[in-house]
Amino acid sequence: MVKTWANAPSPCIDVCKYKRKGRCVGCGMTKDEKRAFSHLSDKADKKAFFQMLLERWSEQGGYAFFATAYRRKCEKKGVPCPLDKLEEPA
């Protein structure tokens, strides 16, 4: 069985331009959040992190761009995309 959350790659999609309140326009994370994600090992923590990002995307828009790029990243790494286990923002 594939471990979606345990193998979840960082939400960073390699855009790395910080404009929106210090958040990256590509992934929506701050620099501190990017560092923090790399230290998450518990699957529940990773899922909560992604849920927080999805809530942020629902507030600021741009989810479609992020989701497409992140799915592509997961595909290249050969891992299931965690976004498929979450509900898309409205």
PDB file of N, CA and C in Angstrom:
ATOM      1  N   MET A   1       0.842  -1.188   0.000  1.00  0.00           N
ATOM      2  CA  MET A   1       0.000   0.000   0.000  1.00  0.00           C
ATOM      3  C   MET A   1       0.888   1.252   0.000  1.00  0.00           C
ATOM      4  N   VAL A   2       0.552   2.186  -0.850  1.00  0.00           N
ATOM      5  CA  VAL A   2       1.322   3.414  -0.977  1.00  0.00           C
ATOM      6  C   VAL A   2       0.961   4.356   0.171  1.00  0.00           C
ATOM      7  N   LYS A   3       1.977   4.962   0.730  1.00  0.00           N
ATOM      8  CA  LYS A   3       1.777   5.879   1.848  1.00  0.00           C
ATOM      9  C   LYS A   3       1.742   7.314   1.326  1.00  0.00           C
ATOM     10  N   THR A   4       0.542   7.793   0.998  1.00  0.00           N
ATOM     11  CA  THR A   4       0.380   9.108   0.395  1.00  0.00           C
ATOM     12  C   THR A   4       0.968  10.215   1.258  1.00  0.00           C
ATOM     13  N   TRP A   5       0.612  10.244   2.522  1.00  0.00           N
ATOM     14  CA  TRP A   5       1.058  11.351   3.373  1.00  0.00           C
ATOM     15  C   TRP A   5       2.507  11.182   3.790  1.00  0.00           C
ATOM     16  N   ALA A   6       2.938   9.976   4.056  1.00  0.00           N
ATOM     17  CA  ALA A   6       4.322   9.761   4.460  1.00  0.00           C
ATOM     18  C   ALA A   6       5.297  10.150   3.346  1.00  0.00           C
ATOM     19  N   ASN A   7       4.897   9.935   2.102  1.00  0.00           N
ATOM     20  CA  ASN A   7       5.754  10.218   0.954  1.00  0.00           C
ATOM     21  C   ASN A   7       5.458  11.556   0.291  1.00  0.00           C
ATOM     22  N   ALA A   8       4.608  12.361   0.894  1.00  0.00           N
ATOM     23  CA  ALA A   8       4.207  13.630   0.281  1.00  0.00           C
ATOM     24  C   ALA A   8       5.404  14.564   0.114  1.00  0.00           C
ATOM     25  N   PRO A   9       5.691  14.968  -1.126  1.00  0.00           N
ATOM     26  CA  PRO A   9       6.765  15.930  -1.327  1.00  0.00           C
ATOM     27  C   PRO A   9       6.353  17.318  -0.827  1.00  0.00           C
ATOM     28  N   SER A  10       7.322  18.151  -0.634  1.00  0.00           N
ATOM     29  CA  SER A  10       7.053  19.525  -0.207  1.00  0.00           C
ATOM     30  C   SER A  10       6.064  20.184  -1.167  1.00  0.00           C
ATOM     31  N   PRO A  11       5.190  21.034  -0.658  1.00  0.00           N
ATOM     32  CA  PRO A  11       4.271  21.768  -1.525  1.00  0.00           C
ATOM     33  C   PRO A  11       4.976  22.788  -2.428  1.00  0.00           C
ATOM     34  N   CYS A  12       6.259  23.034  -2.191  1.00  0.00           N
ATOM     35  CA  CYS A  12       7.013  23.990  -3.006  1.00  0.00           C
ATOM     36  C   CYS A  12       7.010  23.533  -4.462  1.00  0.00           C
ATOM     37  N   ILE A  13       6.661  24.448  -5.363  1.00  0.00           N
ATOM     38  CA  ILE A  13       6.637  24.119  -6.796  1.00  0.00           C
ATOM     39  C   ILE A  13       7.716  24.899  -7.548  1.00  0.00           C
ATOM     40  N   ASP A  14       8.717  25.382  -6.811  1.00  0.00           N
ATOM     41  CA  ASP A  14       9.899  26.039  -7.378  1.00  0.00           C
ATOM     42  C   ASP A  14       9.612  27.345  -8.114  1.00  0.00           C
ATOM     43  N   VAL A  15       8.662  28.116  -7.617  1.00  0.00           N
ATOM     44  CA  VAL A  15       8.429  29.467  -8.127  1.00  0.00           C
ATOM     45  C   VAL A  15       9.192  30.456  -7.242  1.00  0.00           C
ATOM     46  N   CYS A  16       9.003  30.356  -5.942  1.00  0.00           N
ATOM     47  CA  CYS A  16       9.753  31.080  -4.917  1.00  0.00           C
ATOM     48  C   CYS A  16       9.852  32.594  -5.130  1.00  0.00           C
ATOM     49  N   LYS A  17       8.707  33.225  -5.250  1.00  0.00           N
ATOM     50  CA  LYS A  17       8.620  34.685  -5.291  1.00  0.00           C
ATOM     51  C   LYS A  17       7.666  35.084  -4.174  1.00  0.00           C
ATOM     52  N   TYR A  18       8.206  35.798  -3.198  1.00  0.00           N
ATOM     53  CA  TYR A  18       7.451  36.137  -1.990  1.00  0.00           C
ATOM     54  C   TYR A  18       6.853  37.527  -2.111  1.00  0.00           C
ATOM     55  N   LYS A  19       5.541  37.567  -2.334  1.00  0.00           N
ATOM     56  CA  LYS A  19       4.873  38.850  -2.495  1.00  0.00           C
ATOM     57  C   LYS A  19       3.645  38.980  -1.613  1.00  0.00           C
ATOM     58  N   ARG A  20       2.833  37.985  -1.551  1.00  0.00           N
ATOM     59  CA  ARG A  20       1.559  38.038  -0.829  1.00  0.00           C
ATOM     60  C   ARG A  20       1.785  37.876   0.665  1.00  0.00           C
ATOM     61  N   LYS A  21       1.981  38.986   1.366  1.00  0.00           N
ATOM     62  CA  LYS A  21       2.198  38.954   2.822  1.00  0.00           C
ATOM     63  C   LYS A  21       3.360  38.024   3.186  1.00  0.00           C
ATOM     64  N   GLY A  22       4.398  38.041   2.378  1.00  0.00           N
ATOM     65  CA  GLY A  22       5.556  37.193   2.623  1.00  0.00           C
ATOM     66  C   GLY A  22       5.360  35.752   2.200  1.00  0.00           C
ATOM     67  N   ARG A  23       4.292  35.493   1.452  1.00  0.00           N
ATOM     68  CA  ARG A  23       4.009  34.131   0.989  1.00  0.00           C
ATOM     69  C   ARG A  23       4.398  33.988  -0.475  1.00  0.00           C
ATOM     70  N   CYS A  24       4.847  32.816  -0.814  1.00  0.00           N
ATOM     71  CA  CYS A  24       5.239  32.524  -2.187  1.00  0.00           C
ATOM     72  C   CYS A  24       4.010  32.535  -3.097  1.00  0.00           C
ATOM     73  N   VAL A  25       4.153  33.151  -4.262  1.00  0.00           N
ATOM     74  CA  VAL A  25       3.032  33.184  -5.192  1.00  0.00           C
ATOM     75  C   VAL A  25       2.790  31.830  -5.842  1.00  0.00           C
ATOM     76  N   GLY A  26       3.762  30.923  -5.762  1.00  0.00           N
ATOM     77  CA  GLY A  26       3.610  29.592  -6.350  1.00  0.00           C
ATOM     78  C   GLY A  26       2.924  28.603  -5.436  1.00  0.00           C
ATOM     79  N   CYS A  27       3.430  28.486  -4.204  1.00  0.00           N
ATOM     80  CA  CYS A  27       2.908  27.459  -3.298  1.00  0.00           C
ATOM     81  C   CYS A  27       2.102  28.032  -2.133  1.00  0.00           C
ATOM     82  N   GLY A  28       2.230  29.329  -1.887  1.00  0.00           N
ATOM     83  CA  GLY A  28       1.468  29.957  -0.806  1.00  0.00           C
ATOM     84  C   GLY A  28       2.135  29.872   0.557  1.00  0.00           C
ATOM     85  N   MET A  29       3.329  29.272   0.630  1.00  0.00           N
ATOM     86  CA  MET A  29       4.005  29.136   1.919  1.00  0.00           C
ATOM     87  C   MET A  29       4.949  30.312   2.173  1.00  0.00           C
ATOM     88  N   THR A  30       5.199  30.565   3.454  1.00  0.00           N
ATOM     89  CA  THR A  30       6.244  31.513   3.841  1.00  0.00           C
ATOM     90  C   THR A  30       7.568  30.758   3.870  1.00  0.00           C
ATOM     91  N   LYS A  31       8.658  31.474   3.988  1.00  0.00           N
ATOM     92  CA  LYS A  31       9.969  30.814   4.074  1.00  0.00           C
ATOM     93  C   LYS A  31      10.035  29.915   5.309  1.00  0.00           C
ATOM     94  N   ASP A  32       9.483  30.391   6.426  1.00  0.00           N
ATOM     95  CA  ASP A  32       9.482  29.575   7.648  1.00  0.00           C
ATOM     96  C   ASP A  32       8.659  28.308   7.479  1.00  0.00           C
ATOM     97  N   GLU A  33       7.517  28.407   6.789  1.00  0.00           N
ATOM     98  CA  GLU A  33       6.691  27.224   6.554  1.00  0.00           C
ATOM     99  C   GLU A  33       7.404  26.220   5.652  1.00  0.00           C
ATOM    100  N   LYS A  34       8.144  26.719   4.663  1.00  0.00           N
ATOM    101  CA  LYS A  34       8.900  25.808   3.796  1.00  0.00           C
ATOM    102  C   LYS A  34       9.918  25.020   4.609  1.00  0.00           C
ATOM    103  N   ARG A  35      10.613  25.708   5.513  1.00  0.00           N
ATOM    104  CA  ARG A  35      11.589  25.018   6.367  1.00  0.00           C
ATOM    105  C   ARG A  35      10.883  24.036   7.302  1.00  0.00           C
ATOM    106  N   ALA A  36       9.749  24.455   7.852  1.00  0.00           N
ATOM    107  CA  ALA A  36       9.022  23.606   8.810  1.00  0.00           C
ATOM    108  C   ALA A  36       8.526  22.320   8.147  1.00  0.00           C
ATOM    109  N   PHE A  37       8.068  22.392   6.899  1.00  0.00           N
ATOM    110  CA  PHE A  37       7.545  21.201   6.234  1.00  0.00           C
ATOM    111  C   PHE A  37       8.609  20.115   6.139  1.00  0.00           C
ATOM    112  N   SER A  38       9.833  20.515   5.914  1.00  0.00           N
ATOM    113  CA  SER A  38      10.893  19.509   5.763  1.00  0.00           C
ATOM    114  C   SER A  38      11.147  18.732   7.058  1.00  0.00           C
ATOM    115  N   HIS A  39      10.685  19.253   8.177  1.00  0.00           N
ATOM    116  CA  HIS A  39      10.875  18.573   9.464  1.00  0.00           C
ATOM    117  C   HIS A  39       9.655  17.758   9.886  1.00  0.00           C
ATOM    118  N   LEU A  40       8.592  17.800   9.102  1.00  0.00           N
ATOM    119  CA  LEU A  40       7.395  17.030   9.439  1.00  0.00           C
ATOM    120  C   LEU A  40       7.595  15.570   9.038  1.00  0.00           C
ATOM    121  N   SER A  41       7.356  14.684   9.968  1.00  0.00           N
ATOM    122  CA  SER A  41       7.470  13.261   9.638  1.00  0.00           C
ATOM    123  C   SER A  41       6.152  12.528   9.871  1.00  0.00           C
ATOM    124  N   ASP A  42       5.321  13.059  10.739  1.00  0.00           N
ATOM    125  CA  ASP A  42       4.045  12.434  11.046  1.00  0.00           C
ATOM    126  C   ASP A  42       3.040  12.714   9.931  1.00  0.00           C
ATOM    127  N   LYS A  43       2.366  11.658   9.455  1.00  0.00           N
ATOM    128  CA  LYS A  43       1.439  11.843   8.339  1.00  0.00           C
ATOM    129  C   LYS A  43       0.272  12.757   8.710  1.00  0.00           C
ATOM    130  N   ALA A  44      -0.176  12.743   9.959  1.00  0.00           N
ATOM    131  CA  ALA A  44      -1.262  13.639  10.383  1.00  0.00           C
ATOM    132  C   ALA A  44      -0.817  15.100  10.331  1.00  0.00           C
ATOM    133  N   ASP A  45       0.445  15.347  10.679  1.00  0.00           N
ATOM    134  CA  ASP A  45       0.972  16.715  10.608  1.00  0.00           C
ATOM    135  C   ASP A  45       1.065  17.196   9.167  1.00  0.00           C
ATOM    136  N   LYS A  46       1.498  16.307   8.280  1.00  0.00           N
ATOM    137  CA  LYS A  46       1.583  16.680   6.868  1.00  0.00           C
ATOM    138  C   LYS A  46       0.200  16.953   6.297  1.00  0.00           C
ATOM    139  N   LYS A  47      -0.758  16.121   6.650  1.00  0.00           N
ATOM    140  CA  LYS A  47      -2.125  16.326   6.157  1.00  0.00           C
ATOM    141  C   LYS A  47      -2.677  17.658   6.664  1.00  0.00           C
ATOM    142  N   ALA A  48      -2.443  17.973   7.925  1.00  0.00           N
ATOM    143  CA  ALA A  48      -2.903  19.248   8.487  1.00  0.00           C
ATOM    144  C   ALA A  48      -2.220  20.422   7.792  1.00  0.00           C
ATOM    145  N   PHE A  49      -0.963  20.259   7.449  1.00  0.00           N
ATOM    146  CA  PHE A  49      -0.224  21.314   6.751  1.00  0.00           C
ATOM    147  C   PHE A  49      -0.858  21.582   5.384  1.00  0.00           C
ATOM    148  N   PHE A  50      -1.139  20.523   4.650  1.00  0.00           N
ATOM    149  CA  PHE A  50      -1.775  20.686   3.340  1.00  0.00           C
ATOM    150  C   PHE A  50      -3.169  21.285   3.473  1.00  0.00           C
ATOM    151  N   GLN A  51      -3.899  20.881   4.494  1.00  0.00           N
ATOM    152  CA  GLN A  51      -5.236  21.438   4.714  1.00  0.00           C
ATOM    153  C   GLN A  51      -5.154  22.937   4.968  1.00  0.00           C
ATOM    154  N   MET A  52      -4.164  23.370   5.750  1.00  0.00           N
ATOM    155  CA  MET A  52      -3.955  24.783   6.010  1.00  0.00           C
ATOM    156  C   MET A  52      -3.668  25.526   4.707  1.00  0.00           C
ATOM    157  N   LEU A  53      -2.833  24.934   3.853  1.00  0.00           N
ATOM    158  CA  LEU A  53      -2.538  25.579   2.571  1.00  0.00           C
ATOM    159  C   LEU A  53      -3.776  25.671   1.689  1.00  0.00           C
ATOM    160  N   LEU A  54      -4.595  24.635   1.675  1.00  0.00           N
ATOM    161  CA  LEU A  54      -5.802  24.678   0.867  1.00  0.00           C
ATOM    162  C   LEU A  54      -6.761  25.761   1.356  1.00  0.00           C
ATOM    163  N   GLU A  55      -6.865  25.926   2.661  1.00  0.00           N
ATOM    164  CA  GLU A  55      -7.700  27.004   3.200  1.00  0.00           C
ATOM    165  C   GLU A  55      -7.151  28.363   2.768  1.00  0.00           C
ATOM    166  N   ARG A  56      -5.848  28.489   2.761  1.00  0.00           N
ATOM    167  CA  ARG A  56      -5.214  29.738   2.322  1.00  0.00           C
ATOM    168  C   ARG A  56      -5.518  29.991   0.846  1.00  0.00           C
ATOM    169  N   TRP A  57      -5.433  28.938   0.027  1.00  0.00           N
ATOM    170  CA  TRP A  57      -5.734  29.095  -1.400  1.00  0.00           C
ATOM    171  C   TRP A  57      -7.187  29.504  -1.615  1.00  0.00           C
ATOM    172  N   SER A  58      -8.089  29.011  -0.784  1.00  0.00           N
ATOM    173  CA  SER A  58      -9.497  29.382  -0.958  1.00  0.00           C
ATOM    174  C   SER A  58      -9.703  30.862  -0.660  1.00  0.00           C
ATOM    175  N   GLU A  59      -8.858  31.440   0.186  1.00  0.00           N
ATOM    176  CA  GLU A  59      -8.944  32.865   0.507  1.00  0.00           C
ATOM    177  C   GLU A  59      -8.286  33.732  -0.553  1.00  0.00           C
ATOM    178  N   GLN A  60      -7.150  33.304  -1.087  1.00  0.00           N
ATOM    179  CA  GLN A  60      -6.394  34.174  -1.981  1.00  0.00           C
ATOM    180  C   GLN A  60      -6.491  33.812  -3.457  1.00  0.00           C
ATOM    181  N   GLY A  61      -7.051  32.675  -3.787  1.00  0.00           N
ATOM    182  CA  GLY A  61      -7.148  32.271  -5.182  1.00  0.00           C
ATOM    183  C   GLY A  61      -5.825  31.697  -5.687  1.00  0.00           C
ATOM    184  N   GLY A  62      -5.831  31.194  -6.892  1.00  0.00           N
ATOM    185  CA  GLY A  62      -4.632  30.650  -7.507  1.00  0.00           C
ATOM    186  C   GLY A  62      -4.433  29.161  -7.308  1.00  0.00           C
ATOM    187  N   TYR A  63      -5.436  28.495  -6.733  1.00  0.00           N
ATOM    188  CA  TYR A  63      -5.297  27.064  -6.446  1.00  0.00           C
ATOM    189  C   TYR A  63      -5.069  26.237  -7.712  1.00  0.00           C
ATOM    190  N   ALA A  64      -5.749  26.564  -8.793  1.00  0.00           N
ATOM    191  CA  ALA A  64      -5.656  25.750 -10.012  1.00  0.00           C
ATOM    192  C   ALA A  64      -4.211  25.684 -10.512  1.00  0.00           C
ATOM    193  N   PHE A  65      -3.509  26.808 -10.497  1.00  0.00           N
ATOM    194  CA  PHE A  65      -2.113  26.835 -10.935  1.00  0.00           C
ATOM    195  C   PHE A  65      -1.252  25.963 -10.019  1.00  0.00           C
ATOM    196  N   PHE A  66      -1.408  26.161  -8.708  1.00  0.00           N
ATOM    197  CA  PHE A  66      -0.647  25.379  -7.745  1.00  0.00           C
ATOM    198  C   PHE A  66      -0.928  23.882  -7.906  1.00  0.00           C
ATOM    199  N   ALA A  67      -2.201  23.522  -7.974  1.00  0.00           N
ATOM    200  CA  ALA A  67      -2.590  22.104  -8.048  1.00  0.00           C
ATOM    201  C   ALA A  67      -2.008  21.432  -9.285  1.00  0.00           C
ATOM    202  N   THR A  68      -2.045  22.111 -10.413  1.00  0.00           N
ATOM    203  CA  THR A  68      -1.502  21.549 -11.645  1.00  0.00           C
ATOM    204  C   THR A  68      -0.001  21.322 -11.517  1.00  0.00           C
ATOM    205  N   ALA A  69       0.706  22.324 -11.013  1.00  0.00           N
ATOM    206  CA  ALA A  69       2.162  22.215 -10.869  1.00  0.00           C
ATOM    207  C   ALA A  69       2.533  21.156  -9.831  1.00  0.00           C
ATOM    208  N   TYR A  70       1.793  21.099  -8.734  1.00  0.00           N
ATOM    209  CA  TYR A  70       2.113  20.124  -7.687  1.00  0.00           C
ATOM    210  C   TYR A  70       1.818  18.701  -8.145  1.00  0.00           C
ATOM    211  N   ARG A  71       0.733  18.516  -8.849  1.00  0.00           N
ATOM    212  CA  ARG A  71       0.429  17.175  -9.386  1.00  0.00           C
ATOM    213  C   ARG A  71       1.528  16.723 -10.345  1.00  0.00           C
ATOM    214  N   ARG A  72       2.015  17.645 -11.149  1.00  0.00           N
ATOM    215  CA  ARG A  72       3.106  17.331 -12.072  1.00  0.00           C
ATOM    216  C   ARG A  72       4.362  16.928 -11.289  1.00  0.00           C
ATOM    217  N   LYS A  73       4.642  17.647 -10.198  1.00  0.00           N
ATOM    218  CA  LYS A  73       5.794  17.331  -9.357  1.00  0.00           C
ATOM    219  C   LYS A  73       5.661  15.922  -8.773  1.00  0.00           C
ATOM    220  N   CYS A  74       4.498  15.594  -8.258  1.00  0.00           N
ATOM    221  CA  CYS A  74       4.266  14.266  -7.681  1.00  0.00           C
ATOM    222  C   CYS A  74       4.433  13.181  -8.737  1.00  0.00           C
ATOM    223  N   GLU A  75       3.914  13.446  -9.922  1.00  0.00           N
ATOM    224  CA  GLU A  75       4.022  12.477 -11.014  1.00  0.00           C
ATOM    225  C   GLU A  75       5.491  12.222 -11.367  1.00  0.00           C
ATOM    226  N   LYS A  76       6.283  13.289 -11.448  1.00  0.00           N
ATOM    227  CA  LYS A  76       7.705  13.138 -11.766  1.00  0.00           C
ATOM    228  C   LYS A  76       8.433  12.337 -10.691  1.00  0.00           C
ATOM    229  N   LYS A  77       8.019  12.512  -9.435  1.00  0.00           N
ATOM    230  CA  LYS A  77       8.646  11.787  -8.330  1.00  0.00           C
ATOM    231  C   LYS A  77       8.090  10.374  -8.187  1.00  0.00           C
ATOM    232  N   GLY A  78       6.993  10.079  -8.897  1.00  0.00           N
ATOM    233  CA  GLY A  78       6.412   8.746  -8.850  1.00  0.00           C
ATOM    234  C   GLY A  78       5.676   8.442  -7.552  1.00  0.00           C
ATOM    235  N   VAL A  79       5.090   9.481  -6.949  1.00  0.00           N
ATOM    236  CA  VAL A  79       4.345   9.306  -5.701  1.00  0.00           C
ATOM    237  C   VAL A  79       2.908   9.776  -5.902  1.00  0.00           C
ATOM    238  N   PRO A  80       1.960   9.236  -5.125  1.00  0.00           N
ATOM    239  CA  PRO A  80       0.582   9.698  -5.241  1.00  0.00           C
ATOM    240  C   PRO A  80       0.468  11.144  -4.759  1.00  0.00           C
ATOM    241  N   CYS A  81      -0.408  11.883  -5.381  1.00  0.00           N
ATOM    242  CA  CYS A  81      -0.585  13.293  -5.039  1.00  0.00           C
ATOM    243  C   CYS A  81      -1.512  13.428  -3.827  1.00  0.00           C
ATOM    244  N   PRO A  82      -1.042  14.035  -2.733  1.00  0.00           N
ATOM    245  CA  PRO A  82      -1.864  14.200  -1.545  1.00  0.00           C
ATOM    246  C   PRO A  82      -3.112  15.061  -1.785  1.00  0.00           C
ATOM    247  N   LEU A  83      -3.060  15.900  -2.797  1.00  0.00           N
ATOM    248  CA  LEU A  83      -4.209  16.761  -3.082  1.00  0.00           C
ATOM    249  C   LEU A  83      -5.441  15.933  -3.433  1.00  0.00           C
ATOM    250  N   ASP A  84      -5.211  14.729  -3.947  1.00  0.00           N
ATOM    251  CA  ASP A  84      -6.329  13.854  -4.291  1.00  0.00           C
ATOM    252  C   ASP A  84      -7.057  13.333  -3.056  1.00  0.00           C
ATOM    253  N   LYS A  85      -6.421  13.430  -1.896  1.00  0.00           N
ATOM    254  CA  LYS A  85      -7.021  12.975  -0.637  1.00  0.00           C
ATOM    255  C   LYS A  85      -7.701  14.100   0.124  1.00  0.00           C
ATOM    256  N   LEU A  86      -7.662  15.318  -0.427  1.00  0.00           N
ATOM    257  CA  LEU A  86      -8.267  16.479   0.221  1.00  0.00           C
ATOM    258  C   LEU A  86      -9.354  17.064  -0.661  1.00  0.00           C
ATOM    259  N   GLU A  87     -10.219  17.830  -0.063  1.00  0.00           N
ATOM    260  CA  GLU A  87     -11.278  18.490  -0.806  1.00  0.00           C
ATOM    261  C   GLU A  87     -10.748  19.805  -1.357  1.00  0.00           C
ATOM    262  N   GLU A  88     -10.998  20.049  -2.642  1.00  0.00           N
ATOM    263  CA  GLU A  88     -10.526  21.294  -3.268  1.00  0.00           C
ATOM    264  C   GLU A  88     -11.215  22.493  -2.639  1.00  0.00           C
ATOM    265  N   PRO A  89     -10.491  23.637  -2.558  1.00  0.00           N
ATOM    266  CA  PRO A  89     -11.109  24.846  -2.011  1.00  0.00           C
ATOM    267  C   PRO A  89     -12.212  25.363  -2.924  1.00  0.00           C
ATOM    268  N   ALA A  90     -13.176  26.025  -2.323  1.00  0.00           N
ATOM    269  CA  ALA A  90     -14.311  26.553  -3.090  1.00  0.00           C
ATOM    270  C   ALA A  90     -13.917  27.733  -3.933  1.00  0.00           C
TER     271      ALA A  90
END
